[in-house]
Protein backbone atom coordinates (compact mmCIF):
# COMPACT_ATOMS: atom_id res chain seq x y z
CA MET A 1 -37.38 31.00 -29.78
CA ILE A 2 -34.09 32.88 -29.86
CA ARG A 3 -32.90 31.02 -26.74
CA GLN A 4 -33.81 27.68 -28.29
CA GLY A 5 -31.92 28.60 -31.46
CA ILE A 6 -28.81 29.54 -29.47
CA ARG A 7 -29.08 26.27 -27.50
CA ALA A 8 -29.19 24.27 -30.74
CA MET A 9 -26.11 26.07 -32.11
CA ILE A 10 -24.17 25.37 -28.92
CA GLN A 11 -25.12 21.70 -28.91
CA ARG A 12 -24.05 21.28 -32.54
CA SER A 13 -20.84 23.30 -32.24
CA GLY A 14 -18.60 20.33 -31.30
CA VAL A 15 -17.38 22.13 -28.16
CA PRO A 16 -17.95 19.98 -25.02
CA VAL A 17 -20.74 21.49 -22.90
CA GLU A 18 -22.04 19.76 -19.77
CA THR A 19 -25.19 21.77 -19.01
CA ILE A 20 -27.16 24.57 -20.65
CA ILE A 21 -29.44 26.66 -18.42
CA GLU A 22 -32.02 29.04 -19.92
CA CYS A 23 -33.29 32.14 -18.07
CA ASN A 24 -36.09 34.42 -19.36
CA ASN A 25 -34.98 37.50 -17.38
CA GLY A 26 -31.86 39.05 -15.86
CA GLN A 27 -32.84 38.53 -12.21
CA MET A 28 -33.30 34.82 -12.75
CA ALA A 29 -29.85 34.68 -14.37
CA LEU A 30 -28.26 36.47 -11.40
CA ASP A 31 -29.90 34.01 -8.98
CA VAL A 32 -28.44 31.08 -10.96
CA LEU A 33 -24.96 32.65 -10.93
CA ALA A 34 -25.19 33.15 -7.16
CA SER A 35 -26.20 29.53 -6.50
CA GLN A 36 -23.79 27.57 -8.74
CA LYS A 37 -20.63 27.84 -10.78
CA VAL A 38 -21.21 28.76 -14.43
CA ASP A 39 -18.36 28.85 -16.95
CA VAL A 40 -19.90 30.87 -19.81
CA MET A 41 -22.95 33.15 -20.01
CA PHE A 42 -24.67 34.43 -23.16
CA THR A 43 -26.90 37.43 -22.39
CA ASP A 44 -29.11 39.82 -24.27
CA ILE A 45 -29.17 43.50 -23.29
CA ARG A 46 -32.91 44.11 -23.26
CA MET A 47 -34.55 41.71 -20.74
CA PRO A 48 -37.41 41.89 -18.21
CA LYS A 49 -36.79 42.62 -14.49
CA MET A 50 -33.04 43.18 -14.94
CA ASP A 51 -31.37 44.11 -18.23
CA GLY A 52 -28.03 42.79 -19.42
CA ILE A 53 -26.08 45.88 -18.38
CA GLU A 54 -27.27 45.67 -14.77
CA LEU A 55 -26.78 41.87 -14.73
CA VAL A 56 -23.14 42.21 -15.74
CA ARG A 57 -22.58 44.96 -13.14
CA GLU A 58 -24.25 43.00 -10.33
CA MET A 59 -22.39 39.78 -11.04
CA GLN A 60 -19.08 41.59 -10.43
CA GLN A 61 -19.87 41.21 -6.71
CA LEU A 62 -19.98 37.42 -6.94
CA PRO A 63 -16.90 35.31 -6.02
CA GLU A 64 -17.24 33.27 -9.24
CA ARG A 65 -17.99 35.15 -12.45
CA PRO A 66 -18.55 33.50 -15.86
CA LEU A 67 -16.97 34.45 -19.16
CA THR A 68 -19.68 36.57 -20.79
CA VAL A 69 -20.85 37.00 -24.39
CA VAL A 70 -23.46 39.66 -25.31
CA ILE A 71 -26.00 38.87 -28.01
CA SER A 72 -28.07 41.84 -29.15
CA GLY A 73 -29.26 43.95 -32.05
CA TYR A 74 -27.25 46.59 -33.91
CA ASP A 75 -29.14 49.42 -32.21
CA ASP A 76 -27.83 48.34 -28.80
CA PHE A 77 -24.15 48.36 -29.80
CA SER A 78 -23.42 51.48 -27.71
CA TYR A 79 -24.59 49.60 -24.60
CA ALA A 80 -22.39 46.67 -25.51
CA VAL A 81 -19.32 48.90 -25.35
CA GLU A 82 -20.23 49.72 -21.72
CA MET A 83 -20.57 46.02 -20.98
CA LEU A 84 -17.19 45.27 -22.55
CA ARG A 85 -15.68 47.58 -19.94
CA ASN A 86 -17.09 45.23 -17.28
CA GLY A 87 -15.25 42.20 -18.60
CA VAL A 88 -17.57 40.99 -21.38
CA ARG A 89 -15.47 38.89 -23.78
CA GLU A 90 -17.48 38.99 -27.04
CA TYR A 91 -20.36 40.80 -28.74
CA LEU A 92 -22.55 38.94 -31.26
CA LEU A 93 -25.10 40.67 -33.45
CA LYS A 94 -28.49 39.15 -34.12
CA PRO A 95 -29.15 37.06 -36.03
CA VAL A 96 -26.27 34.97 -34.71
CA ASP A 97 -24.13 33.27 -37.34
CA ARG A 98 -23.51 29.57 -36.71
CA ASP A 99 -19.81 29.71 -37.63
CA LYS A 100 -19.27 32.80 -35.49
CA MET A 101 -20.96 31.03 -32.56
CA ARG A 102 -18.60 28.04 -32.94
CA GLU A 103 -15.59 30.37 -33.13
CA VAL A 104 -16.64 32.13 -29.91
CA LEU A 105 -17.26 28.84 -28.11
CA GLU A 106 -13.87 27.48 -29.13
CA SER A 107 -12.23 30.67 -27.89
CA MET A 108 -14.10 30.38 -24.56
CA GLU A 109 -13.07 26.70 -24.22
CA GLN A 110 -9.39 27.57 -24.76
CA GLU A 111 -9.57 30.30 -22.13
CA LEU A 112 -11.35 27.99 -19.68
CA GLU A 113 -8.82 25.21 -20.26
CA LYS A 114 -5.95 27.61 -19.59
CA LYS A 115 -7.71 28.77 -16.42
CA ARG A 116 -8.24 25.17 -15.30
CA GLU A 117 -4.55 24.41 -15.79
CA GLU A 118 -3.54 27.48 -13.81
CA GLU A 119 -5.95 26.58 -11.01
CA SER A 120 -4.72 22.98 -10.96
CA HIS A 121 -1.11 24.18 -10.73
CA LEU A 122 -2.07 26.59 -7.95
CA ARG A 123 -3.83 23.78 -6.05
CA ARG A 124 -0.84 21.45 -6.36
CA LEU A 125 1.50 24.18 -5.14
CA GLY A 126 -0.90 24.99 -2.32
CA CYS A 127 -1.08 21.32 -1.26
CA ARG A 128 2.73 21.12 -1.08
CA GLN A 129 2.83 24.27 1.03
CA MET A 130 0.08 23.00 3.36
CA LYS A 131 1.99 19.76 3.84
CA GLN A 132 5.15 21.75 4.55
CA VAL A 133 3.40 23.68 7.31
CA MET A 134 1.80 20.53 8.79
CA LEU A 135 5.07 18.60 9.04
CA ALA A 136 7.38 21.43 10.11
CA GLU A 137 8.05 21.15 13.86
CA THR A 138 9.62 24.58 13.77
CA MET A 139 9.06 27.36 11.27
CA THR A 140 10.37 30.91 11.40
CA GLU A 141 7.89 33.76 11.60
CA TRP A 142 9.05 34.99 8.20
CA GLU A 143 8.50 31.56 6.59
CA LEU A 144 5.04 31.28 8.09
CA GLU A 145 4.08 34.79 6.98
CA SER A 146 5.32 34.07 3.46
CA LEU A 147 3.22 30.92 3.18
CA SER A 148 0.24 32.53 4.89
CA GLY A 149 0.16 35.32 2.32
CA ARG A 150 -0.29 32.82 -0.48
CA LEU A 151 -2.51 30.26 1.25
CA ASP A 152 -4.82 32.54 3.23
CA ASN A 153 -5.49 34.87 0.32
CA HIS A 154 -5.97 32.31 -2.45
CA LEU A 155 -6.66 28.80 -1.17
CA LEU A 156 -7.47 28.22 2.49
CA TYR A 157 -11.09 28.48 3.53
CA PRO A 158 -12.07 31.03 6.21
CA SER A 159 -12.82 28.09 8.53
CA TYR A 160 -11.62 24.56 7.86
CA TYR A 161 -11.15 21.06 9.28
CA VAL A 162 -8.26 18.66 8.70
CA CYS A 163 -9.26 15.01 8.23
CA CYS A 164 -6.56 12.37 8.62
CA LEU A 165 -6.86 8.83 7.21
CA GLU A 166 -4.63 5.92 6.19
CA LYS A 167 -1.82 6.41 3.70
CA GLY A 168 -2.56 5.14 0.21
CA SER A 169 -6.20 6.18 0.39
CA VAL A 170 -7.95 6.66 -2.92
CA LYS A 171 -8.23 10.35 -3.75
CA ALA A 172 -11.80 11.56 -3.89
CA GLU A 173 -13.05 13.43 -6.92
CA GLU A 174 -11.37 16.84 -6.91
CA ARG A 175 -13.67 19.57 -5.68
CA ASP A 176 -13.32 23.20 -4.68
CA ALA A 177 -14.63 22.29 -1.22
CA TYR A 178 -11.49 20.43 -0.13
CA PHE A 179 -7.82 19.66 -0.82
CA PHE A 180 -6.31 16.17 -0.74
CA LEU A 181 -2.77 15.74 0.58
CA GLU A 182 -1.05 12.41 -0.05
CA GLU A 183 1.54 10.94 2.34
CA VAL A 184 1.49 13.37 5.23
CA GLY A 185 3.46 11.68 8.01
CA GLU A 186 1.93 8.25 8.64
CA GLY A 187 -1.24 9.03 6.71
CA ALA A 188 -3.02 11.18 4.17
CA ALA A 189 -5.14 14.28 4.78
CA TYR A 190 -8.03 16.37 3.52
CA VAL A 191 -8.31 20.07 4.25
CA VAL A 192 -12.02 20.78 3.93
CA SER A 193 -14.17 23.87 4.36
CA GLU A 194 -16.26 23.84 7.54
CA GLU A 195 -19.59 23.75 5.71
CA ASN A 196 -18.54 20.82 3.50
CA CYS A 197 -16.88 18.59 6.13
CA GLY A 198 -20.04 16.62 6.87
CA PHE A 199 -20.65 15.96 3.19
CA LEU A 200 -17.06 14.71 2.70
CA LEU A 201 -17.31 12.33 5.68
CA LYS A 202 -20.68 10.91 4.66
CA ASN A 203 -19.78 10.41 1.02
CA GLU A 204 -16.18 10.17 -0.17
CA LEU A 205 -14.79 9.05 3.20
CA ARG A 206 -17.65 6.86 4.39
CA ASP A 207 -15.56 3.65 4.15
CA SER A 208 -12.38 5.05 5.72
CA TYR A 209 -11.28 5.34 9.36
CA VAL A 210 -10.90 9.09 9.77
CA GLY A 211 -9.68 11.46 12.48
CA VAL A 212 -11.15 14.99 12.40
CA SER A 213 -9.60 18.10 13.96
CA LEU A 214 -11.35 20.99 15.64
CA PRO A 215 -12.31 23.86 13.27
CA HIS A 216 -9.35 26.14 12.54
CA HIS A 217 -8.57 29.42 10.77
CA GLY A 218 -5.55 30.49 8.75
CA THR A 219 -2.20 28.97 7.85
CA GLY A 220 -0.81 29.50 11.35
CA GLU A 221 -3.18 26.85 12.76
CA LEU A 222 -2.59 24.19 10.09
CA ARG A 223 0.01 22.21 12.06
CA ARG A 224 -2.13 22.14 15.19
CA ALA A 225 -5.11 21.01 13.10
CA TRP A 226 -3.02 18.21 11.57
CA LEU A 227 -1.78 17.03 14.98
CA GLU A 228 -5.36 16.96 16.29
CA ALA A 229 -6.59 15.03 13.25
CA SER A 230 -3.65 12.62 13.50
CA ARG A 231 -4.39 11.99 17.17
CA ALA A 232 -8.07 11.40 16.42
CA ARG A 233 -7.13 9.13 13.50
CA LYS A 234 -5.13 6.88 15.87
CA HIS A 235 -8.24 6.56 18.01
CA ALA A 236 -10.33 5.69 14.93
CA PHE A 237 -7.69 3.10 13.95
CA CYS A 238 -7.69 1.43 17.37
CA ARG A 239 -11.46 1.39 17.85
CA CYS A 240 -12.29 0.59 14.21
CA GLN A 241 -14.44 3.71 14.29
CA HIS A 242 -15.14 5.32 10.91
CA VAL A 243 -15.10 8.88 12.25
CA SER A 244 -13.35 10.05 15.39
CA HIS A 245 -13.52 13.74 16.36
CA TYR A 246 -10.61 15.20 18.30
CA GLU A 247 -12.73 16.79 21.01
CA GLU A 248 -14.14 13.36 21.91
CA THR A 249 -10.89 11.44 21.63
CA GLU A 250 -9.02 12.64 24.71
CA GLU A 251 -11.91 12.02 27.09
CA ILE A 252 -12.64 8.57 25.65
CA GLN A 253 -8.98 7.52 25.79
CA GLN A 254 -8.70 8.38 29.47
CA ALA A 255 -11.99 6.68 30.36
CA GLU A 256 -11.28 3.48 28.42
CA ALA A 257 -7.72 3.12 29.68
CA GLY A 258 -8.97 2.16 33.14
CA ASN A 259 -11.25 -0.66 32.03
CA LEU A 260 -8.85 -3.48 33.02
CA GLN A 261 -7.20 -3.95 36.36
CA ASN A 262 -3.55 -2.98 36.38
CA GLY A 263 -2.36 -6.55 36.92
CA GLU A 264 -4.13 -7.82 33.82
CA LYS A 265 -2.88 -4.93 31.77
CA GLU A 266 0.73 -5.27 32.87
CA GLU A 267 0.89 -9.00 32.06
CA LEU A 268 0.28 -8.53 28.33
CA LEU A 269 2.26 -5.28 28.11
CA GLN A 270 5.43 -6.42 29.90
CA ASP A 271 8.43 -6.55 27.58
CA GLY A 272 9.17 -10.07 28.84
CA THR A 273 5.73 -11.30 27.75
CA ILE A 274 6.07 -9.65 24.33
CA LEU A 275 9.51 -11.22 23.82
CA LYS A 276 8.07 -14.63 24.74
CA VAL A 277 5.70 -14.20 21.81
CA VAL A 278 8.76 -13.53 19.63
CA GLN A 279 10.42 -16.78 20.72
CA MET A 280 7.22 -18.80 20.27
CA ILE A 281 6.91 -17.88 16.58
CA GLY A 282 9.74 -20.23 15.64
CA THR A 283 8.51 -23.16 17.76
CA ASP A 284 5.53 -25.49 18.02
CA LYS A 285 4.02 -22.91 20.41
CA ILE A 286 2.93 -20.72 17.50
CA LYS A 287 -0.74 -21.11 18.48
CA GLU A 288 0.00 -19.64 21.90
CA ALA A 289 1.86 -16.73 20.26
CA LEU A 290 -1.12 -16.05 18.02
CA ARG A 291 -3.51 -16.22 20.98
CA LEU A 292 -1.50 -13.63 22.94
CA VAL A 293 -1.26 -11.23 19.99
CA GLU A 294 -4.97 -11.57 19.21
CA GLN A 295 -5.83 -11.10 22.88
CA PHE A 296 -3.82 -7.88 23.06
CA LEU A 297 -5.11 -6.40 19.79
CA GLY A 298 -8.65 -7.44 20.71
CA ARG A 299 -8.38 -5.42 23.90
CA ILE A 300 -7.08 -2.47 21.89
CA ARG A 301 -10.19 -2.81 19.73
CA ARG A 302 -12.47 -2.82 22.79
CA GLY A 303 -10.79 0.23 24.29
CA SER A 304 -8.97 -1.50 27.16
CA TYR A 305 -5.61 -0.09 26.11
CA THR A 306 -4.52 3.32 24.80
CA THR A 307 -2.87 4.12 21.50
CA GLU A 308 0.40 4.71 23.37
CA GLU A 309 0.27 1.17 24.73
CA LEU A 310 -0.30 -0.21 21.24
CA GLU A 311 2.71 1.76 20.01
CA HIS A 312 4.87 0.40 22.87
CA TYR A 313 3.77 -3.17 22.15
CA MET A 314 4.68 -2.92 18.45
CA GLU A 315 7.96 -1.13 19.24
CA VAL A 316 9.04 -4.19 21.26
CA LEU A 317 7.49 -6.92 19.10
CA ILE A 318 8.71 -5.99 15.60
CA PRO A 319 12.38 -5.20 16.46
CA GLY A 320 12.36 -8.36 18.61
CA ILE A 321 11.37 -10.48 15.61
CA GLN A 322 13.90 -8.69 13.39
CA LYS A 323 16.74 -9.35 15.84
CA THR A 324 15.83 -12.96 16.69
CA TYR A 325 15.20 -14.16 13.14
CA GLN A 326 17.47 -11.84 11.15
CA ASN A 327 19.14 -14.76 9.31
CA ALA A 328 15.81 -16.29 8.30
CA LEU A 329 13.91 -13.14 7.27
CA GLU A 330 15.39 -12.46 3.82
CA GLU A 331 12.43 -11.87 1.44
CA LYS A 332 10.02 -11.58 4.40
CA LYS A 333 11.96 -8.61 5.78
CA GLU A 334 10.05 -5.92 3.86
CA ASP A 335 6.71 -7.54 4.79
CA LEU A 336 7.68 -7.32 8.45
CA GLU A 337 9.01 -3.75 8.31
CA ARG A 338 5.63 -2.40 7.22
CA PHE A 339 4.26 -3.39 10.64
CA SER A 340 6.61 -0.77 12.11
CA ARG A 341 4.40 1.72 10.21
CA PHE A 342 1.15 0.04 11.22
CA TYR A 343 -0.88 3.28 11.27
CA GLU A 344 -0.63 3.22 7.47
CA LEU A 345 -3.14 0.33 7.60
CA PRO A 346 -6.87 1.14 7.82
CA SER A 347 -7.62 -0.23 11.32
CA VAL A 348 -6.46 -2.50 14.14
CA GLU A 349 -8.65 -5.30 12.73
CA VAL A 350 -6.64 -5.20 9.51
CA LEU A 351 -3.42 -5.09 11.57
CA MET A 352 -4.50 -8.20 13.50
CA GLU A 353 -5.41 -10.06 10.32
CA GLU A 354 -2.21 -9.18 8.46
CA LEU A 355 0.18 -9.56 11.41
CA THR A 356 -1.12 -12.97 12.48
CA GLY A 357 -1.15 -14.08 8.83
CA TRP A 358 2.49 -13.03 8.54
CA MET A 359 3.37 -14.90 11.76
CA ILE A 360 1.77 -18.12 10.48
CA ALA A 361 3.52 -17.89 7.09
CA PHE A 362 6.88 -17.10 8.70
CA HIS A 363 6.52 -19.93 11.22
CA GLU A 364 5.85 -22.38 8.37
CA LYS A 365 8.92 -21.10 6.55
CA ILE A 366 11.12 -21.52 9.63
CA ASP A 367 9.65 -24.94 10.33
CA THR A 368 10.32 -26.07 6.75
CA ARG A 369 13.83 -24.67 6.81
CA PHE A 370 14.57 -26.37 10.13
CA GLU A 371 13.22 -29.66 8.79
CA ASP A 372 15.38 -29.29 5.68
CA TYR A 373 18.42 -28.60 7.86
CA ARG A 374 17.69 -31.62 10.03
CA ASN A 375 17.23 -33.81 6.95
CA LYS A 376 20.52 -32.53 5.55
CA GLN A 377 22.30 -33.54 8.76
CA LYS A 378 20.77 -37.00 8.57
CA MET A 379 21.79 -37.41 4.93
CA GLU A 380 25.36 -36.52 5.83
CA GLN A 381 25.24 -39.16 8.58
CA ALA A 382 23.81 -41.68 6.11
CA ILE A 383 26.57 -41.03 3.53
CA ALA A 384 29.26 -41.41 6.18
CA TYR A 385 27.68 -44.68 7.35
CA ILE A 386 27.44 -46.06 3.78
CA ARG A 387 31.07 -45.21 3.02
CA LYS A 388 32.15 -46.96 6.18
CA ASN A 389 29.99 -50.06 5.70
CA TYR A 390 29.60 -50.51 1.94
CA SER A 391 31.58 -53.80 2.10
CA SER A 392 28.89 -55.38 4.28
CA ASP A 393 25.40 -56.57 3.33
CA LEU A 394 23.92 -53.06 3.21
CA ASN A 395 20.43 -51.95 2.20
CA MET A 396 18.25 -48.86 2.54
CA ALA A 397 16.26 -50.25 5.46
CA VAL A 398 19.44 -50.63 7.51
CA VAL A 399 20.66 -47.08 6.73
CA SER A 400 17.26 -45.37 7.24
CA ASN A 401 16.96 -47.15 10.58
CA TYR A 402 20.45 -46.02 11.50
CA VAL A 403 19.56 -42.33 11.01
CA SER A 404 16.07 -42.78 12.55
CA MET A 405 14.05 -41.80 9.47
CA ASN A 406 10.91 -43.19 7.94
CA TYR A 407 11.83 -45.54 5.05
CA SER A 408 9.84 -43.64 2.39
CA LEU A 409 10.95 -40.21 3.64
CA PHE A 410 14.57 -41.39 3.67
CA SER A 411 14.26 -42.63 0.08
CA TYR A 412 12.91 -39.23 -1.06
CA ALA A 413 15.38 -37.14 0.97
CA PHE A 414 18.37 -39.28 -0.11
CA LYS A 415 17.62 -38.79 -3.80
CA GLN A 416 17.06 -35.04 -3.28
CA TYR A 417 20.42 -34.78 -1.51
CA THR A 418 22.61 -37.01 -3.73
CA GLY A 419 20.77 -36.89 -7.06
CA LYS A 420 20.67 -40.72 -7.13
CA ASN A 421 18.47 -43.34 -5.57
CA PHE A 422 19.98 -45.47 -2.80
CA VAL A 423 20.63 -48.58 -4.94
CA ASN A 424 22.49 -46.70 -7.68
CA TYR A 425 24.45 -44.62 -5.19
CA LEU A 426 25.65 -47.75 -3.36
CA LYS A 427 26.42 -49.54 -6.65
CA ASP A 428 28.46 -46.59 -7.98
CA LEU A 429 30.37 -46.32 -4.71
CA ARG A 430 31.24 -50.05 -4.77
CA MET A 431 32.29 -49.93 -8.44
CA GLU A 432 34.61 -46.97 -7.83
CA GLU A 433 36.27 -48.85 -4.99
CA ALA A 434 36.50 -52.02 -7.13
CA LYS A 435 38.24 -50.08 -9.92
CA ARG A 436 40.72 -48.64 -7.41
CA LEU A 437 41.53 -52.10 -6.03
CA LEU A 438 41.91 -53.60 -9.53
CA ALA A 439 44.30 -50.83 -10.57
CA GLN A 440 46.36 -50.52 -7.38
CA THR A 441 46.46 -54.02 -5.81
CA GLN A 442 47.14 -57.64 -6.84
CA LEU A 443 44.04 -58.93 -5.05
CA ARG A 444 42.12 -61.61 -6.90
CA VAL A 445 38.74 -60.65 -8.41
CA VAL A 446 36.91 -62.83 -5.88
CA GLU A 447 38.66 -61.05 -3.03
CA ILE A 448 37.81 -57.64 -4.46
CA SER A 449 34.21 -58.73 -4.93
CA GLN A 450 33.94 -59.55 -1.23
CA GLN A 451 35.71 -56.36 -0.14
CA VAL A 452 33.23 -54.16 -2.00
CA GLY A 453 30.17 -56.00 -0.63
CA TYR A 454 29.39 -58.76 -3.16
CA GLU A 455 29.44 -62.34 -1.82
CA ASN A 456 28.67 -63.76 -5.26
CA GLU A 457 31.63 -63.28 -7.62
CA LYS A 458 29.58 -63.83 -10.77
CA HIS A 459 27.04 -61.22 -9.67
CA PHE A 460 29.87 -58.76 -9.07
CA MET A 461 31.40 -59.43 -12.50
CA LYS A 462 28.04 -58.94 -14.22
CA ILE A 463 27.42 -55.59 -12.51
CA PHE A 464 31.01 -54.44 -13.12
CA LYS A 465 30.73 -55.15 -16.86
CA SER A 466 27.35 -53.35 -17.09
CA VAL A 467 28.88 -50.27 -15.47
CA CYS A 468 32.37 -50.22 -17.05
CA GLY A 469 31.76 -52.02 -20.35
CA VAL A 470 34.53 -54.59 -19.70
CA SER A 471 35.13 -57.43 -17.21
CA PRO A 472 37.22 -56.86 -14.06
CA THR A 473 40.13 -58.81 -15.57
CA GLU A 474 40.04 -56.77 -18.80
CA TYR A 475 39.87 -53.56 -16.80
CA ARG A 476 43.03 -54.59 -14.84
CA LYS A 477 44.90 -55.33 -18.10
CA ASN A 478 43.93 -51.96 -19.51
CA MET A 479 45.18 -50.25 -16.33
CA GLU A 480 48.52 -52.16 -16.62
CA PHE A 481 48.83 -50.97 -20.23
CA THR A 482 48.11 -47.39 -19.16
CA LYS A 483 50.90 -47.53 -16.55
CA HIS A 484 53.48 -48.68 -19.17
């Protein structure tokens, strides 16, 4: 009944509590503390099997000890003093006052929150130091000893694995059983205790492509563990294998590398063949380029080539594209550069999908740009032809035929280029020339009409007046007045 009363007070206190566990004797309480993490414990002094004094003494041997509050009668106060010496935070007399219970719980919550913040800071610092060790190619003995003192004593597990996966991976729920390190080299990493590695792989990392190191001990082995995990991760990437263990990777790589005959292998891997793919991207041979890339990456997937051969292939292909199409890349440049860091992607299947998709989109862009350039050249030819022949019986069919363009396409491209349709452009050109001749020569109106392409004088005069607002004769008089 007392336990149930205490439970009710805790639940109504307003302090957030996840779980309340009741134990009817001290031994049962010690077993709970040994099997799971408990933040706060309320204990009586007089209990069956193991009293409160012995419980508090025994729990000092545990790695995780809860904040402890003693609840007992006035007659047991002398025992409570002994318990306070063993780290007990508070002593509550029966019957427990509701307000006092809330005050104690709030005090415990503040202390726990402060502890959580300190632990979180320590974990973040530890993760930075682990990353420092993993990425340092050389480290002095003094530096390593300095880091080892902090990591080995406070954070690193006695035996651990390093798991490497793609960069940008979603961080799993933070647990004491592992550390998550973002952006370590070309990937991300987990440092996980040996006993919890299997759980991490089967749960949080079940959808990732992960490389796993051998088991290691101490800060001094962190870099080697990372290199092993990174090597295994490359194998997982190439084979689209969700978990690749380092001890299996080396043997598999050597066995699979001999699957194809050397002649077949060399044909796809030769720099000349790779650079042919580069040239094909900008031509109507794009399908052949895609076929060769898919063939190569498909063989990587099946284990016919090694990770080193994939790296060589990409080291030739991507710079080749950058050099060949540097003037056309522009906004596509950043999209292409990420393929230089292809291990940041989940697997070779994703690489194939994204790389071939990029090639198709870039080919279409080049093709459109080339077509636009070709159309621009033809429009320039058309304008030159019109200016040379505007005095003759000229129409759009004649000009489009001259530049070898479809009639409808020419009509669209001409308006895009000049901002006017063909008829208006030709009319404006003829009127400008007519105005020049009226102002600068003594030619008769009929002669000017013929020189600017109008056989019918009356038709010319009608168009001139609609454009200029006056007749050709009136325009000439106005120009004479302007001169004087």
